[in-house]
């Protein structure tokens, strides 16, 4: 017997949180996700190169811009992503303020962030040191903490 899609999605959300996705193409500064209506627990955030990145120097940083309270660097400027190929993944660091990690190959063991990051209403932003061609799909998993809270693609 095959479970229907809504049941599979519901079970997945219990285990890994609600999933929301957005794509940056080309790569440039801008908002990735909006947090609306209250606080959320951000469980994880991952980037996947979908279109080969231009061979030009570029570093990436993820910041949180709260509606009230200012900015927080979720990551520091990463290593240079010059010419990364489709299929390359970028993962949140083990602690706020670390660099995005790039796992070797197409598989990785994900042990962190195990607790997540509580974010109030605001925006998760991508800061690129240069605008380059290429595409990255960003996927976030979260749990709403307030009744009206949710994340959406910016």
N, C-alpha and C. Protein backbone atom coordinates (compact mmCIF):
# COMPACT_ATOMS: atom_id res chain seq x y z
N UNK A 1 0.84 -1.17 0.00
CA UNK A 1 0.00 0.00 0.00
C UNK A 1 0.89 1.24 0.00
N UNK A 2 0.61 2.20 -0.85
CA UNK A 2 1.38 3.43 -0.97
C UNK A 2 0.66 4.56 -0.24
N UNK A 3 1.42 5.26 0.61
CA UNK A 3 0.83 6.41 1.31
C UNK A 3 0.61 7.55 0.32
N UNK A 4 -0.46 8.31 0.50
CA UNK A 4 -0.68 9.43 -0.40
C UNK A 4 0.31 10.55 -0.12
N UNK A 5 0.47 11.46 -1.07
CA UNK A 5 1.47 12.51 -0.98
C UNK A 5 1.28 13.37 0.26
N UNK A 6 0.04 13.72 0.60
CA UNK A 6 -0.17 14.59 1.74
C UNK A 6 0.25 13.91 3.04
N UNK A 7 0.05 12.62 3.17
CA UNK A 7 0.49 11.90 4.36
C UNK A 7 2.03 11.87 4.42
N UNK A 8 2.68 11.60 3.29
CA UNK A 8 4.15 11.60 3.26
C UNK A 8 4.69 12.98 3.62
N UNK A 9 4.08 14.02 3.08
CA UNK A 9 4.52 15.38 3.38
C UNK A 9 4.33 15.69 4.87
N UNK A 10 3.20 15.29 5.44
CA UNK A 10 2.93 15.55 6.86
C UNK A 10 3.94 14.84 7.74
N UNK A 11 4.25 13.59 7.44
CA UNK A 11 5.24 12.85 8.23
C UNK A 11 6.61 13.49 8.09
N UNK A 12 6.96 13.91 6.89
CA UNK A 12 8.24 14.59 6.66
C UNK A 12 8.34 15.87 7.45
N UNK A 13 7.25 16.62 7.54
CA UNK A 13 7.27 17.88 8.28
C UNK A 13 7.40 17.64 9.78
N UNK A 14 6.87 16.56 10.28
CA UNK A 14 7.03 16.23 11.69
C UNK A 14 8.50 15.96 11.98
N UNK A 15 9.17 15.27 11.09
CA UNK A 15 10.57 14.90 11.29
C UNK A 15 11.53 16.05 11.02
N UNK A 16 11.35 16.74 9.89
CA UNK A 16 12.35 17.72 9.49
C UNK A 16 11.86 19.16 9.45
N UNK A 17 10.62 19.41 9.77
CA UNK A 17 10.08 20.77 9.74
C UNK A 17 9.45 21.08 8.40
N UNK A 18 8.90 22.27 8.29
CA UNK A 18 8.27 22.73 7.05
C UNK A 18 9.38 23.16 6.09
N UNK A 19 9.24 22.82 4.83
CA UNK A 19 10.25 23.16 3.82
C UNK A 19 9.76 24.32 2.96
N UNK A 20 10.66 25.27 2.69
CA UNK A 20 10.37 26.38 1.78
C UNK A 20 11.60 26.58 0.90
N UNK A 21 11.39 26.90 -0.39
CA UNK A 21 12.49 27.02 -1.33
C UNK A 21 12.41 28.31 -2.14
N UNK A 22 13.57 28.77 -2.58
CA UNK A 22 13.67 29.91 -3.48
C UNK A 22 14.92 29.71 -4.32
N UNK A 23 15.02 30.44 -5.42
CA UNK A 23 16.18 30.32 -6.31
C UNK A 23 16.76 31.70 -6.58
N UNK A 24 18.09 31.77 -6.59
CA UNK A 24 18.79 32.98 -7.00
C UNK A 24 19.45 32.71 -8.34
N UNK A 25 19.07 33.46 -9.34
CA UNK A 25 19.64 33.31 -10.68
C UNK A 25 19.42 34.63 -11.42
N UNK A 26 20.43 35.46 -11.59
CA UNK A 26 21.84 35.31 -11.25
C UNK A 26 22.08 35.46 -9.75
N UNK A 27 23.34 35.26 -9.35
CA UNK A 27 23.72 35.38 -7.95
C UNK A 27 24.01 36.86 -7.65
N UNK A 28 23.30 37.42 -6.69
CA UNK A 28 23.48 38.83 -6.33
C UNK A 28 22.90 39.04 -4.94
N UNK A 29 23.16 40.20 -4.34
CA UNK A 29 22.59 40.55 -3.04
C UNK A 29 21.06 40.55 -3.13
N UNK A 30 20.42 40.10 -2.07
CA UNK A 30 18.96 40.18 -2.03
C UNK A 30 18.38 39.28 -0.95
N UNK A 31 17.09 39.47 -0.67
CA UNK A 31 16.39 38.65 0.31
C UNK A 31 16.12 37.27 -0.27
N UNK A 32 16.33 36.24 0.55
CA UNK A 32 15.98 34.88 0.17
C UNK A 32 14.63 34.47 0.75
N UNK A 33 14.45 34.71 2.04
CA UNK A 33 13.24 34.27 2.74
C UNK A 33 12.74 35.39 3.65
N UNK A 34 11.42 35.46 3.79
CA UNK A 34 10.76 36.34 4.75
C UNK A 34 10.24 35.49 5.90
N UNK A 35 10.42 35.97 7.12
CA UNK A 35 9.80 35.36 8.29
C UNK A 35 8.68 36.31 8.69
N UNK A 36 7.46 35.80 8.71
CA UNK A 36 6.27 36.64 8.86
C UNK A 36 5.45 36.17 10.06
N UNK A 37 4.89 37.11 10.81
CA UNK A 37 3.88 36.78 11.81
C UNK A 37 4.39 36.28 13.14
N UNK A 38 5.69 36.28 13.35
CA UNK A 38 6.22 35.82 14.64
C UNK A 38 7.51 35.06 14.49
N UNK A 39 7.83 34.29 15.52
CA UNK A 39 9.11 33.57 15.57
C UNK A 39 9.02 32.19 14.93
N UNK A 40 10.16 31.79 14.33
CA UNK A 40 10.30 30.44 13.80
C UNK A 40 11.61 29.85 14.31
N UNK A 41 11.69 28.55 14.34
CA UNK A 41 12.91 27.83 14.65
C UNK A 41 13.48 27.34 13.32
N UNK A 42 14.55 27.99 12.84
CA UNK A 42 15.20 27.58 11.59
C UNK A 42 16.05 26.36 11.90
N UNK A 43 15.67 25.23 11.30
CA UNK A 43 16.37 23.98 11.55
C UNK A 43 17.58 23.80 10.64
N UNK A 44 17.46 24.25 9.40
CA UNK A 44 18.57 24.07 8.46
C UNK A 44 18.34 24.93 7.24
N UNK A 45 19.41 25.23 6.54
CA UNK A 45 19.37 26.01 5.31
C UNK A 45 20.47 25.48 4.41
N UNK A 46 20.11 25.13 3.17
CA UNK A 46 21.05 24.51 2.25
C UNK A 46 20.92 25.14 0.88
N UNK A 47 22.04 25.34 0.21
CA UNK A 47 22.04 25.81 -1.17
C UNK A 47 22.48 24.69 -2.10
N UNK A 48 21.93 24.66 -3.29
CA UNK A 48 22.30 23.68 -4.32
C UNK A 48 22.49 24.42 -5.63
N UNK A 49 23.69 24.35 -6.19
CA UNK A 49 23.94 25.00 -7.47
C UNK A 49 23.14 24.27 -8.54
N UNK A 50 22.29 25.02 -9.24
CA UNK A 50 21.45 24.44 -10.29
C UNK A 50 21.94 24.81 -11.68
N UNK A 51 22.65 25.93 -11.80
CA UNK A 51 23.26 26.38 -13.05
C UNK A 51 24.70 26.75 -12.72
N UNK A 52 25.68 26.17 -13.44
CA UNK A 52 27.09 26.42 -13.17
C UNK A 52 27.35 27.90 -12.90
N UNK A 53 28.15 28.17 -11.86
CA UNK A 53 28.46 29.55 -11.51
C UNK A 53 29.57 30.08 -12.42
N UNK A 54 29.48 31.36 -12.70
CA UNK A 54 30.47 32.04 -13.53
C UNK A 54 31.86 31.90 -12.90
N UNK A 55 32.88 31.80 -13.74
CA UNK A 55 34.25 31.76 -13.25
C UNK A 55 34.69 33.20 -12.98
N UNK A 56 34.30 33.69 -11.82
CA UNK A 56 34.62 35.05 -11.37
C UNK A 56 34.61 35.01 -9.86
N UNK A 57 35.51 35.74 -9.23
CA UNK A 57 35.63 35.73 -7.78
C UNK A 57 34.31 36.15 -7.12
N UNK A 58 33.85 35.34 -6.18
CA UNK A 58 32.61 35.66 -5.46
C UNK A 58 32.58 34.89 -4.15
N UNK A 59 32.29 35.59 -3.07
CA UNK A 59 32.04 34.95 -1.78
C UNK A 59 30.58 35.20 -1.40
N UNK A 60 30.04 34.32 -0.57
CA UNK A 60 28.64 34.43 -0.15
C UNK A 60 28.55 34.48 1.36
N UNK A 61 27.56 35.23 1.84
CA UNK A 61 27.29 35.33 3.27
C UNK A 61 25.77 35.36 3.44
N UNK A 62 25.28 34.73 4.50
CA UNK A 62 23.87 34.75 4.84
C UNK A 62 23.68 35.59 6.09
N UNK A 63 22.77 36.56 6.03
CA UNK A 63 22.48 37.44 7.16
C UNK A 63 21.00 37.37 7.49
N UNK A 64 20.69 37.68 8.75
CA UNK A 64 19.30 37.81 9.17
C UNK A 64 19.06 39.27 9.52
N UNK A 65 18.07 39.87 8.89
CA UNK A 65 17.70 41.26 9.13
C UNK A 65 16.35 41.25 9.83
N UNK A 66 16.37 41.43 11.16
CA UNK A 66 15.14 41.42 11.95
C UNK A 66 14.35 42.69 11.71
N UNK A 67 13.02 42.58 11.71
CA UNK A 67 12.18 43.78 11.61
C UNK A 67 12.44 44.72 12.78
N UNK A 68 12.74 44.16 13.95
CA UNK A 68 13.08 44.95 15.14
C UNK A 68 14.33 44.34 15.74
N UNK A 69 15.40 45.12 15.82
CA UNK A 69 16.59 44.63 16.51
C UNK A 69 17.86 44.54 15.70
N UNK A 70 17.82 44.77 14.42
CA UNK A 70 19.06 44.81 13.64
C UNK A 70 19.45 43.50 12.98
N UNK A 71 20.64 43.51 12.41
CA UNK A 71 21.15 42.38 11.62
C UNK A 71 21.98 41.42 12.46
N UNK A 72 21.98 40.15 12.05
CA UNK A 72 22.83 39.11 12.63
C UNK A 72 23.45 38.35 11.47
N UNK A 73 24.75 38.15 11.50
CA UNK A 73 25.42 37.35 10.47
C UNK A 73 25.20 35.86 10.79
N UNK A 74 24.39 35.18 9.98
CA UNK A 74 24.21 33.74 10.16
C UNK A 74 25.47 33.00 9.75
N UNK A 75 26.15 33.52 8.72
CA UNK A 75 27.44 32.97 8.29
C UNK A 75 28.38 34.13 8.02
N UNK A 76 29.65 33.85 7.99
CA UNK A 76 30.63 34.84 7.55
C UNK A 76 30.83 34.64 6.05
N UNK A 77 31.53 35.58 5.42
CA UNK A 77 31.84 35.43 4.00
C UNK A 77 32.57 34.11 3.79
N UNK A 78 32.06 33.32 2.89
CA UNK A 78 32.57 31.99 2.63
C UNK A 78 33.81 32.02 1.76
N UNK A 79 34.34 30.85 1.54
CA UNK A 79 35.43 30.71 0.57
C UNK A 79 34.90 31.09 -0.81
N UNK A 80 35.78 31.35 -1.71
CA UNK A 80 35.43 31.75 -3.07
C UNK A 80 34.68 30.62 -3.79
N UNK A 81 33.55 30.95 -4.40
CA UNK A 81 32.73 29.97 -5.11
C UNK A 81 32.94 30.03 -6.62
N UNK A 82 34.08 30.50 -7.05
CA UNK A 82 34.39 30.66 -8.47
C UNK A 82 34.16 29.37 -9.24
N UNK A 83 33.26 29.42 -10.21
CA UNK A 83 33.06 28.31 -11.14
C UNK A 83 32.48 27.04 -10.56
N UNK A 84 31.82 27.09 -9.40
CA UNK A 84 31.21 25.88 -8.85
C UNK A 84 30.20 25.32 -9.85
N UNK A 85 30.17 24.00 -9.95
CA UNK A 85 29.34 23.32 -10.94
C UNK A 85 27.99 22.93 -10.38
N UNK A 86 27.02 22.73 -11.27
CA UNK A 86 25.69 22.26 -10.86
C UNK A 86 25.86 20.99 -10.03
N UNK A 87 25.11 20.93 -8.93
CA UNK A 87 25.19 19.80 -8.01
C UNK A 87 25.99 20.10 -6.76
N UNK A 88 26.79 21.19 -6.77
CA UNK A 88 27.55 21.58 -5.58
C UNK A 88 26.57 22.04 -4.50
N UNK A 89 26.81 21.60 -3.25
CA UNK A 89 25.93 21.98 -2.15
C UNK A 89 26.65 22.91 -1.19
N UNK A 90 25.89 23.82 -0.57
CA UNK A 90 26.38 24.71 0.47
C UNK A 90 25.52 24.48 1.70
N UNK A 91 26.17 24.26 2.85
CA UNK A 91 25.45 23.92 4.07
C UNK A 91 25.70 24.96 5.16
N UNK A 92 24.71 25.16 6.02
CA UNK A 92 24.87 26.03 7.19
C UNK A 92 26.00 25.50 8.05
N UNK A 93 26.74 26.40 8.70
CA UNK A 93 27.83 25.96 9.59
C UNK A 93 27.28 25.40 10.89
N UNK A 94 28.18 24.81 11.69
CA UNK A 94 27.78 24.22 12.96
C UNK A 94 27.32 25.26 13.97
N UNK A 95 27.78 26.50 13.82
CA UNK A 95 27.40 27.57 14.75
C UNK A 95 27.17 28.85 13.97
N UNK A 96 26.31 29.71 14.49
CA UNK A 96 26.08 31.01 13.85
C UNK A 96 27.41 31.74 13.73
N UNK A 97 27.62 32.34 12.56
CA UNK A 97 28.83 33.10 12.34
C UNK A 97 29.97 32.31 11.73
N UNK A 98 29.77 31.01 11.47
CA UNK A 98 30.79 30.21 10.78
C UNK A 98 30.61 30.37 9.28
N UNK A 99 31.48 29.72 8.51
CA UNK A 99 31.40 29.79 7.06
C UNK A 99 30.50 28.69 6.51
N UNK A 100 29.83 28.97 5.38
CA UNK A 100 29.11 27.91 4.68
C UNK A 100 30.09 26.79 4.38
N UNK A 101 29.64 25.56 4.52
CA UNK A 101 30.51 24.43 4.21
C UNK A 101 30.11 23.84 2.88
N UNK A 102 31.08 23.26 2.20
CA UNK A 102 30.87 22.61 0.90
C UNK A 102 31.30 21.16 1.05
N UNK A 103 30.34 20.22 1.15
CA UNK A 103 30.72 18.82 1.32
C UNK A 103 31.37 18.28 0.05
N UNK A 104 32.31 17.38 0.22
CA UNK A 104 32.96 16.74 -0.93
C UNK A 104 32.01 15.69 -1.50
N UNK A 105 31.83 15.70 -2.79
CA UNK A 105 30.95 14.73 -3.43
C UNK A 105 29.49 15.07 -3.25
N UNK A 106 28.63 14.14 -3.59
CA UNK A 106 27.20 14.40 -3.58
C UNK A 106 26.48 13.90 -2.35
N UNK A 107 27.22 13.54 -1.29
CA UNK A 107 26.58 13.05 -0.08
C UNK A 107 27.27 13.63 1.13
N UNK A 108 26.52 13.75 2.22
CA UNK A 108 27.09 14.27 3.45
C UNK A 108 26.30 13.76 4.63
N UNK A 109 26.94 13.68 5.78
CA UNK A 109 26.28 13.33 7.03
C UNK A 109 25.97 14.64 7.74
N UNK A 110 24.70 14.88 8.00
CA UNK A 110 24.26 16.16 8.58
C UNK A 110 23.99 15.95 10.06
N UNK A 111 24.89 16.44 10.92
CA UNK A 111 24.72 16.32 12.36
C UNK A 111 24.33 17.63 13.01
N UNK A 112 24.39 18.73 12.28
CA UNK A 112 24.10 20.04 12.85
C UNK A 112 23.46 20.90 11.80
N UNK A 113 22.76 21.96 12.08
CA UNK A 113 22.49 22.38 13.45
C UNK A 113 21.39 21.53 14.06
N UNK A 114 21.67 20.91 15.19
CA UNK A 114 20.70 20.01 15.81
C UNK A 114 19.61 20.77 16.55
N UNK A 115 19.93 21.93 17.08
CA UNK A 115 18.94 22.68 17.86
C UNK A 115 18.23 23.74 17.05
N UNK A 116 18.88 24.28 16.04
CA UNK A 116 18.29 25.31 15.21
C UNK A 116 18.55 26.71 15.77
N UNK A 117 18.00 27.68 15.07
CA UNK A 117 18.19 29.09 15.39
C UNK A 117 16.81 29.75 15.45
N UNK A 118 16.50 30.40 16.56
CA UNK A 118 15.22 31.10 16.69
C UNK A 118 15.35 32.46 16.00
N UNK A 119 14.46 32.73 15.06
CA UNK A 119 14.44 33.99 14.32
C UNK A 119 13.08 34.66 14.51
N UNK A 120 13.11 35.96 14.75
CA UNK A 120 11.86 36.72 14.83
C UNK A 120 11.46 37.15 13.42
N UNK A 121 10.40 37.92 13.30
CA UNK A 121 9.98 38.40 11.98
C UNK A 121 11.12 39.19 11.34
N UNK A 122 11.32 38.98 10.05
CA UNK A 122 12.39 39.67 9.33
C UNK A 122 12.71 38.98 8.02
N UNK A 123 13.98 39.03 7.60
CA UNK A 123 14.39 38.50 6.30
C UNK A 123 15.73 37.80 6.41
N UNK A 124 15.87 36.68 5.73
CA UNK A 124 17.18 36.06 5.54
C UNK A 124 17.69 36.56 4.20
N UNK A 125 18.89 37.17 4.23
CA UNK A 125 19.44 37.82 3.05
C UNK A 125 20.69 37.09 2.57
N UNK A 126 20.89 37.13 1.26
CA UNK A 126 22.14 36.66 0.66
C UNK A 126 22.98 37.89 0.33
N UNK A 127 24.21 37.90 0.82
CA UNK A 127 25.16 38.96 0.47
C UNK A 127 26.25 38.32 -0.38
N UNK A 128 26.34 38.74 -1.63
CA UNK A 128 27.36 38.24 -2.56
C UNK A 128 28.39 39.34 -2.77
N UNK A 129 29.67 38.97 -2.76
CA UNK A 129 30.72 39.98 -2.95
C UNK A 129 30.74 40.52 -4.37
N UNK A 130 30.13 39.80 -5.30
CA UNK A 130 30.03 40.25 -6.70
C UNK A 130 28.79 39.61 -7.31
N UNK A 131 28.18 40.28 -8.26
CA UNK A 131 27.06 39.69 -8.99
C UNK A 131 27.65 38.81 -10.09
N UNK A 132 27.23 37.53 -10.12
CA UNK A 132 27.74 36.60 -11.13
C UNK A 132 26.59 35.81 -11.73
N UNK A 133 26.82 35.22 -12.88
CA UNK A 133 25.81 34.37 -13.50
C UNK A 133 25.85 32.99 -12.85
N UNK A 134 24.75 32.29 -12.98
CA UNK A 134 24.60 30.96 -12.40
C UNK A 134 23.35 30.93 -11.55
N UNK A 135 23.05 29.79 -10.99
CA UNK A 135 21.85 29.66 -10.18
C UNK A 135 22.06 28.79 -8.97
N UNK A 136 21.43 29.17 -7.85
CA UNK A 136 21.46 28.39 -6.62
C UNK A 136 20.04 28.27 -6.10
N UNK A 137 19.61 27.03 -5.83
CA UNK A 137 18.31 26.80 -5.17
C UNK A 137 18.59 26.72 -3.67
N UNK A 138 17.89 27.55 -2.91
CA UNK A 138 18.04 27.59 -1.45
C UNK A 138 16.83 26.91 -0.81
N UNK A 139 17.08 25.98 0.11
CA UNK A 139 16.02 25.26 0.81
C UNK A 139 16.19 25.47 2.30
N UNK A 140 15.11 25.90 2.96
CA UNK A 140 15.11 26.09 4.41
C UNK A 140 14.07 25.17 5.03
N UNK A 141 14.38 24.65 6.21
CA UNK A 141 13.45 23.85 6.99
C UNK A 141 13.25 24.56 8.32
N UNK A 142 12.00 24.69 8.73
CA UNK A 142 11.71 25.44 9.95
C UNK A 142 10.47 24.88 10.65
N UNK A 143 10.33 25.29 11.93
CA UNK A 143 9.14 24.99 12.71
C UNK A 143 8.59 26.32 13.21
N UNK A 144 7.31 26.63 12.97
CA UNK A 144 6.74 27.87 13.50
C UNK A 144 6.65 27.78 15.03
N UNK A 145 7.03 28.85 15.72
CA UNK A 145 6.94 28.89 17.18
C UNK A 145 5.73 29.68 17.65
N UNK A 146 5.28 30.64 16.87
CA UNK A 146 4.08 31.40 17.18
C UNK A 146 2.97 30.97 16.24
N UNK A 147 1.72 31.10 16.69
CA UNK A 147 0.58 30.59 15.92
C UNK A 147 0.51 31.12 14.50
N UNK A 148 0.85 32.38 14.28
CA UNK A 148 0.72 32.98 12.96
C UNK A 148 2.04 33.02 12.18
N UNK A 149 3.10 32.43 12.71
CA UNK A 149 4.43 32.54 12.11
C UNK A 149 4.61 31.56 10.95
N UNK A 150 5.32 32.04 9.92
CA UNK A 150 5.68 31.18 8.79
C UNK A 150 6.84 31.82 8.03
N UNK A 151 7.49 31.01 7.20
CA UNK A 151 8.53 31.50 6.29
C UNK A 151 8.01 31.37 4.88
N UNK A 152 8.45 32.31 4.01
CA UNK A 152 8.08 32.26 2.60
C UNK A 152 9.27 32.71 1.77
N UNK A 153 9.27 32.34 0.52
CA UNK A 153 10.29 32.83 -0.41
C UNK A 153 10.10 34.33 -0.57
N UNK A 154 11.21 35.06 -0.60
CA UNK A 154 11.14 36.52 -0.75
C UNK A 154 10.83 36.91 -2.18
